[in-house]
Amino acid sequence: KTDILKIPGGGSALPLTCENISARPNTI
């Protein structure tokens, strides 16, 4: 059930980059 509630960005699977930061992957 790992897709129910997560902070997808900021870890090794989805590092924060200049290209993805505007999509806010480092939020809940």
PDB file of all heavy atoms in Angstrom:
ATOM      1  N   LYS A   1       0.815  -1.216   0.000  1.00  0.00           N
ATOM      2  CA  LYS A   1       0.000   0.000   0.000  1.00  0.00           C
ATOM      3  C   LYS A   1       0.852   1.272   0.000  1.00  0.00           C
ATOM      4  O   LYS A   1       0.440   2.298   0.531  1.00  0.00           O
ATOM      5  CB  LYS A   1      -0.907   0.009   1.237  1.00  0.00           C
ATOM      6  CG  LYS A   1      -1.699  -1.245   1.450  1.00  0.00           C
ATOM      7  CD  LYS A   1      -2.970  -1.231   0.681  1.00  0.00           C
ATOM      8  CE  LYS A   1      -3.823  -2.405   1.127  1.00  0.00           C
ATOM      9  NZ  LYS A   1      -4.476  -3.078   0.070  1.00  0.00           N
ATOM     10  N   THR A   2       2.007   1.236  -0.613  1.00  0.00           N
ATOM     11  CA  THR A   2       2.935   2.363  -0.529  1.00  0.00           C
ATOM     12  C   THR A   2       2.509   3.604  -1.301  1.00  0.00           C
ATOM     13  O   THR A   2       3.090   4.668  -1.111  1.00  0.00           O
ATOM     14  CB  THR A   2       4.344   1.947  -0.999  1.00  0.00           C
ATOM     15  OG1 THR A   2       4.252   1.464  -2.344  1.00  0.00           O
ATOM     16  CG2 THR A   2       4.925   0.881  -0.100  1.00  0.00           C
ATOM     17  N   ASP A   3       1.506   3.503  -2.153  1.00  0.00           N
ATOM     18  CA  ASP A   3       1.071   4.673  -2.918  1.00  0.00           C
ATOM     19  C   ASP A   3      -0.056   5.463  -2.257  1.00  0.00           C
ATOM     20  O   ASP A   3      -0.434   6.512  -2.750  1.00  0.00           O
ATOM     21  CB  ASP A   3       0.625   4.258  -4.330  1.00  0.00           C
ATOM     22  CG  ASP A   3       1.806   3.987  -5.244  1.00  0.00           C
ATOM     23  OD1 ASP A   3       2.914   4.471  -4.943  1.00  0.00           O
ATOM     24  OD2 ASP A   3       1.616   3.299  -6.256  1.00  0.00           O
ATOM     25  N   ILE A   4      -0.573   4.988  -1.148  1.00  0.00           N
ATOM     26  CA  ILE A   4      -1.716   5.650  -0.519  1.00  0.00           C
ATOM     27  C   ILE A   4      -1.344   7.015   0.048  1.00  0.00           C
ATOM     28  O   ILE A   4      -2.032   7.993  -0.167  1.00  0.00           O
ATOM     29  CB  ILE A   4      -2.325   4.751   0.576  1.00  0.00           C
ATOM     30  CG1 ILE A   4      -2.945   3.509  -0.067  1.00  0.00           C
ATOM     31  CG2 ILE A   4      -3.370   5.507   1.382  1.00  0.00           C
ATOM     32  CD1 ILE A   4      -3.421   2.486   0.940  1.00  0.00           C
ATOM     33  N   LEU A   5      -0.259   7.081   0.802  1.00  0.00           N
ATOM     34  CA  LEU A   5       0.178   8.316   1.455  1.00  0.00           C
ATOM     35  C   LEU A   5       1.696   8.339   1.405  1.00  0.00           C
ATOM     36  O   LEU A   5       2.347   7.406   1.877  1.00  0.00           O
ATOM     37  CB  LEU A   5      -0.323   8.327   2.907  1.00  0.00           C
ATOM     38  CG  LEU A   5      -0.128   9.592   3.716  1.00  0.00           C
ATOM     39  CD1 LEU A   5      -0.902  10.757   3.111  1.00  0.00           C
ATOM     40  CD2 LEU A   5      -0.584   9.371   5.153  1.00  0.00           C
ATOM     41  N   LYS A   6       2.255   9.404   0.828  1.00  0.00           N
ATOM     42  CA  LYS A   6       3.711   9.418   0.646  1.00  0.00           C
ATOM     43  C   LYS A   6       4.221  10.820   0.379  1.00  0.00           C
ATOM     44  O   LYS A   6       3.456  11.735   0.066  1.00  0.00           O
ATOM     45  CB  LYS A   6       4.105   8.508  -0.516  1.00  0.00           C
ATOM     46  CG  LYS A   6       3.529   8.943  -1.868  1.00  0.00           C
ATOM     47  CD  LYS A   6       3.881   7.946  -2.954  1.00  0.00           C
ATOM     48  CE  LYS A   6       3.229   8.330  -4.271  1.00  0.00           C
ATOM     49  NZ  LYS A   6       3.558   7.357  -5.314  1.00  0.00           N
ATOM     50  N   ILE A   7       5.525  10.966   0.512  1.00  0.00           N
ATOM     51  CA  ILE A   7       6.271  12.122   0.033  1.00  0.00           C
ATOM     52  C   ILE A   7       7.210  11.542  -1.020  1.00  0.00           C
ATOM     53  O   ILE A   7       8.264  10.995  -0.683  1.00  0.00           O
ATOM     54  CB  ILE A   7       7.054  12.828   1.158  1.00  0.00           C
ATOM     55  CG1 ILE A   7       6.096  13.342   2.232  1.00  0.00           C
ATOM     56  CG2 ILE A   7       7.891  13.975   0.573  1.00  0.00           C
ATOM     57  CD1 ILE A   7       6.787  13.951   3.445  1.00  0.00           C
ATOM     58  N   PRO A   8       6.829  11.596  -2.296  1.00  0.00           N
ATOM     59  CA  PRO A   8       7.577  10.866  -3.316  1.00  0.00           C
ATOM     60  C   PRO A   8       8.971  11.408  -3.636  1.00  0.00           C
ATOM     61  O   PRO A   8       9.855  10.644  -4.016  1.00  0.00           O
ATOM     62  CB  PRO A   8       6.674  10.948  -4.550  1.00  0.00           C
ATOM     63  CG  PRO A   8       5.799  12.130  -4.324  1.00  0.00           C
ATOM     64  CD  PRO A   8       5.650  12.263  -2.839  1.00  0.00           C
ATOM     65  N   GLY A   9       9.186  12.708  -3.482  1.00  0.00           N
ATOM     66  CA  GLY A   9      10.455  13.287  -3.904  1.00  0.00           C
ATOM     67  C   GLY A   9      11.385  13.626  -2.764  1.00  0.00           C
ATOM     68  O   GLY A   9      10.973  13.798  -1.620  1.00  0.00           O
ATOM     69  N   GLY A  10      12.654  13.703  -3.078  1.00  0.00           N
ATOM     70  CA  GLY A  10      13.659  14.086  -2.112  1.00  0.00           C
ATOM     71  C   GLY A  10      14.539  12.945  -1.658  1.00  0.00           C
ATOM     72  O   GLY A  10      15.554  13.158  -1.011  1.00  0.00           O
ATOM     73  N   GLY A  11      14.173  11.717  -1.996  1.00  0.00           N
ATOM     74  CA  GLY A  11      14.981  10.550  -1.645  1.00  0.00           C
ATOM     75  C   GLY A  11      15.762  10.053  -2.844  1.00  0.00           C
ATOM     76  O   GLY A  11      15.840  10.723  -3.882  1.00  0.00           O
ATOM     77  N   SER A  12      16.301   8.865  -2.740  1.00  0.00           N
ATOM     78  CA  SER A  12      17.121   8.325  -3.824  1.00  0.00           C
ATOM     79  C   SER A  12      16.301   7.905  -5.038  1.00  0.00           C
ATOM     80  O   SER A  12      16.816   7.880  -6.157  1.00  0.00           O
ATOM     81  CB  SER A  12      17.941   7.127  -3.318  1.00  0.00           C
ATOM     82  OG  SER A  12      17.084   6.081  -2.902  1.00  0.00           O
ATOM     83  N   ALA A  13      15.011   7.582  -4.856  1.00  0.00           N
ATOM     84  CA  ALA A  13      14.177   7.175  -5.989  1.00  0.00           C
ATOM     85  C   ALA A  13      13.783   8.371  -6.861  1.00  0.00           C
ATOM     86  O   ALA A  13      13.628   8.223  -8.077  1.00  0.00           O
ATOM     87  CB  ALA A  13      12.909   6.467  -5.500  1.00  0.00           C
ATOM     88  N   LEU A  14      13.625   9.537  -6.252  1.00  0.00           N
ATOM     89  CA  LEU A  14      13.240  10.740  -6.991  1.00  0.00           C
ATOM     90  C   LEU A  14      13.938  11.950  -6.370  1.00  0.00           C
ATOM     91  O   LEU A  14      13.347  12.713  -5.605  1.00  0.00           O
ATOM     92  CB  LEU A  14      11.713  10.936  -6.966  1.00  0.00           C
ATOM     93  CG  LEU A  14      11.161  12.129  -7.747  1.00  0.00           C
ATOM     94  CD1 LEU A  14      11.493  12.040  -9.234  1.00  0.00           C
ATOM     95  CD2 LEU A  14       9.655  12.236  -7.532  1.00  0.00           C
ATOM     96  N   PRO A  15      15.221  12.116  -6.689  1.00  0.00           N
ATOM     97  CA  PRO A  15      15.944  13.274  -6.156  1.00  0.00           C
ATOM     98  C   PRO A  15      15.326  14.576  -6.653  1.00  0.00           C
ATOM     99  O   PRO A  15      14.757  14.631  -7.750  1.00  0.00           O
ATOM    100  CB  PRO A  15      17.363  13.108  -6.719  1.00  0.00           C
ATOM    101  CG  PRO A  15      17.455  11.689  -7.156  1.00  0.00           C
ATOM    102  CD  PRO A  15      16.063  11.267  -7.522  1.00  0.00           C
ATOM    103  N   LEU A  16      15.410  15.615  -5.845  1.00  0.00           N
ATOM    104  CA  LEU A  16      14.914  16.922  -6.272  1.00  0.00           C
ATOM    105  C   LEU A  16      15.893  17.539  -7.264  1.00  0.00           C
ATOM    106  O   LEU A  16      17.102  17.501  -7.062  1.00  0.00           O
ATOM    107  CB  LEU A  16      14.747  17.837  -5.064  1.00  0.00           C
ATOM    108  CG  LEU A  16      13.731  17.390  -4.033  1.00  0.00           C
ATOM    109  CD1 LEU A  16      13.688  18.373  -2.865  1.00  0.00           C
ATOM    110  CD2 LEU A  16      12.357  17.234  -4.648  1.00  0.00           C
ATOM    111  N   THR A  17      15.329  18.066  -8.335  1.00  0.00           N
ATOM    112  CA  THR A  17      16.138  18.704  -9.371  1.00  0.00           C
ATOM    113  C   THR A  17      15.486  20.023  -9.753  1.00  0.00           C
ATOM    114  O   THR A  17      14.324  20.282  -9.427  1.00  0.00           O
ATOM    115  CB  THR A  17      16.229  17.816 -10.631  1.00  0.00           C
ATOM    116  OG1 THR A  17      14.912  17.687 -11.188  1.00  0.00           O
ATOM    117  CG2 THR A  17      16.802  16.441 -10.308  1.00  0.00           C
ATOM    118  N   CYS A  18      16.201  20.827 -10.493  1.00  0.00           N
ATOM    119  CA  CYS A  18      15.631  22.083 -11.001  1.00  0.00           C
ATOM    120  C   CYS A  18      14.433  21.798 -11.899  1.00  0.00           C
ATOM    121  O   CYS A  18      13.478  22.568 -11.932  1.00  0.00           O
ATOM    122  CB  CYS A  18      16.685  22.865 -11.783  1.00  0.00           C
ATOM    123  SG  CYS A  18      18.027  23.486 -10.753  1.00  0.00           S
ATOM    124  N   GLU A  19      14.461  20.660 -12.587  1.00  0.00           N
ATOM    125  CA  GLU A  19      13.392  20.314 -13.518  1.00  0.00           C
ATOM    126  C   GLU A  19      12.112  19.842 -12.820  1.00  0.00           C
ATOM    127  O   GLU A  19      11.013  20.048 -13.325  1.00  0.00           O
ATOM    128  CB  GLU A  19      13.848  19.222 -14.498  1.00  0.00           C
ATOM    129  CG  GLU A  19      14.932  19.667 -15.481  1.00  0.00           C
ATOM    130  CD  GLU A  19      16.322  19.750 -14.855  1.00  0.00           C
ATOM    131  OE1 GLU A  19      16.609  18.983 -13.907  1.00  0.00           O
ATOM    132  OE2 GLU A  19      17.115  20.605 -15.288  1.00  0.00           O
ATOM    133  N   ASN A  20      12.215  19.200 -11.662  1.00  0.00           N
ATOM    134  CA  ASN A  20      11.002  18.653 -11.040  1.00  0.00           C
ATOM    135  C   ASN A  20      10.512  19.408  -9.807  1.00  0.00           C
ATOM    136  O   ASN A  20       9.428  19.132  -9.314  1.00  0.00           O
ATOM    137  CB  ASN A  20      11.182  17.165 -10.706  1.00  0.00           C
ATOM    138  CG  ASN A  20      12.135  16.904  -9.555  1.00  0.00           C
ATOM    139  OD1 ASN A  20      12.518  17.780  -8.796  1.00  0.00           O
ATOM    140  ND2 ASN A  20      12.524  15.648  -9.419  1.00  0.00           N
ATOM    141  N   ILE A  21      11.256  20.354  -9.313  1.00  0.00           N
ATOM    142  CA  ILE A  21      10.900  21.012  -8.059  1.00  0.00           C
ATOM    143  C   ILE A  21       9.573  21.775  -8.139  1.00  0.00           C
ATOM    144  O   ILE A  21       8.836  21.849  -7.159  1.00  0.00           O
ATOM    145  CB  ILE A  21      12.034  21.939  -7.550  1.00  0.00           C
ATOM    146  CG1 ILE A  21      11.799  22.328  -6.083  1.00  0.00           C
ATOM    147  CG2 ILE A  21      12.168  23.180  -8.403  1.00  0.00           C
ATOM    148  CD1 ILE A  21      11.962  21.205  -5.116  1.00  0.00           C
ATOM    149  N   SER A  22       9.231  22.303  -9.314  1.00  0.00           N
ATOM    150  CA  SER A  22       7.967  23.047  -9.428  1.00  0.00           C
ATOM    151  C   SER A  22       6.738  22.151  -9.282  1.00  0.00           C
ATOM    152  O   SER A  22       5.657  22.620  -8.932  1.00  0.00           O
ATOM    153  CB  SER A  22       7.906  23.806 -10.759  1.00  0.00           C
ATOM    154  OG  SER A  22       7.908  22.888 -11.835  1.00  0.00           O
ATOM    155  N   ALA A  23       6.893  20.837  -9.467  1.00  0.00           N
ATOM    156  CA  ALA A  23       5.795  19.891  -9.281  1.00  0.00           C
ATOM    157  C   ALA A  23       5.618  19.518  -7.804  1.00  0.00           C
ATOM    158  O   ALA A  23       4.700  18.773  -7.464  1.00  0.00           O
ATOM    159  CB  ALA A  23       6.030  18.639 -10.114  1.00  0.00           C
ATOM    160  N   ARG A  24       6.491  20.013  -6.943  1.00  0.00           N
ATOM    161  CA  ARG A  24       6.438  19.800  -5.499  1.00  0.00           C
ATOM    162  C   ARG A  24       6.446  18.316  -5.092  1.00  0.00           C
ATOM    163  O   ARG A  24       5.631  17.899  -4.282  1.00  0.00           O
ATOM    164  CB  ARG A  24       5.241  20.508  -4.884  1.00  0.00           C
ATOM    165  CG  ARG A  24       5.290  21.991  -5.054  1.00  0.00           C
ATOM    166  CD  ARG A  24       4.116  22.627  -4.363  1.00  0.00           C
ATOM    167  NE  ARG A  24       4.255  24.077  -4.426  1.00  0.00           N
ATOM    168  CZ  ARG A  24       3.274  24.897  -4.212  1.00  0.00           C
ATOM    169  NH1 ARG A  24       2.084  24.448  -3.903  1.00  0.00           N
ATOM    170  NH2 ARG A  24       3.458  26.194  -4.290  1.00  0.00           N
ATOM    171  N   PRO A  25       7.375  17.537  -5.604  1.00  0.00           N
ATOM    172  CA  PRO A  25       7.421  16.127  -5.219  1.00  0.00           C
ATOM    173  C   PRO A  25       7.867  15.901  -3.774  1.00  0.00           C
ATOM    174  O   PRO A  25       7.763  14.795  -3.256  1.00  0.00           O
ATOM    175  CB  PRO A  25       8.416  15.513  -6.207  1.00  0.00           C
ATOM    176  CG  PRO A  25       9.336  16.648  -6.520  1.00  0.00           C
ATOM    177  CD  PRO A  25       8.449  17.880  -6.538  1.00  0.00           C
ATOM    178  N   ASN A  26       8.351  16.965  -3.123  1.00  0.00           N
ATOM    179  CA  ASN A  26       8.827  16.866  -1.734  1.00  0.00           C
ATOM    180  C   ASN A  26       7.725  17.217  -0.724  1.00  0.00           C
ATOM    181  O   ASN A  26       8.016  17.501   0.428  1.00  0.00           O
ATOM    182  CB  ASN A  26      10.044  17.751  -1.526  1.00  0.00           C
ATOM    183  CG  ASN A  26       9.739  19.212  -1.808  1.00  0.00           C
ATOM    184  OD1 ASN A  26       8.974  19.543  -2.709  1.00  0.00           O
ATOM    185  ND2 ASN A  26      10.349  20.108  -1.061  1.00  0.00           N
ATOM    186  N   THR A  27       6.467  17.167  -1.166  1.00  0.00           N
ATOM    187  CA  THR A  27       5.347  17.422  -0.268  1.00  0.00           C
ATOM    188  C   THR A  27       4.476  16.165  -0.148  1.00  0.00           C
ATOM    189  O   THR A  27       4.592  15.246  -0.947  1.00  0.00           O
ATOM    190  CB  THR A  27       4.478  18.606  -0.753  1.00  0.00           C
ATOM    191  OG1 THR A  27       3.975  18.329  -2.052  1.00  0.00           O
ATOM    192  CG2 THR A  27       5.291  19.903  -0.792  1.00  0.00           C
ATOM    193  N   ILE A  28       3.599  16.181   0.838  1.00  0.00           N
ATOM    194  CA  ILE A  28       2.744  15.029   1.103  1.00  0.00           C
ATOM    195  C   ILE A  28       1.730  14.848  -0.029  1.00  0.00           C
ATOM    196  O   ILE A  28       1.103  15.800  -0.468  1.00  0.00           O
ATOM    197  CB  ILE A  28       2.009  15.201   2.451  1.00  0.00           C
ATOM    198  CG1 ILE A  28       3.021  15.221   3.583  1.00  0.00           C
ATOM    199  CG2 ILE A  28       0.991  14.098   2.667  1.00  0.00           C
ATOM    200  CD1 ILE A  28       2.441  15.618   4.942  1.00  0.00           C
TER     201      ILE A  28
END
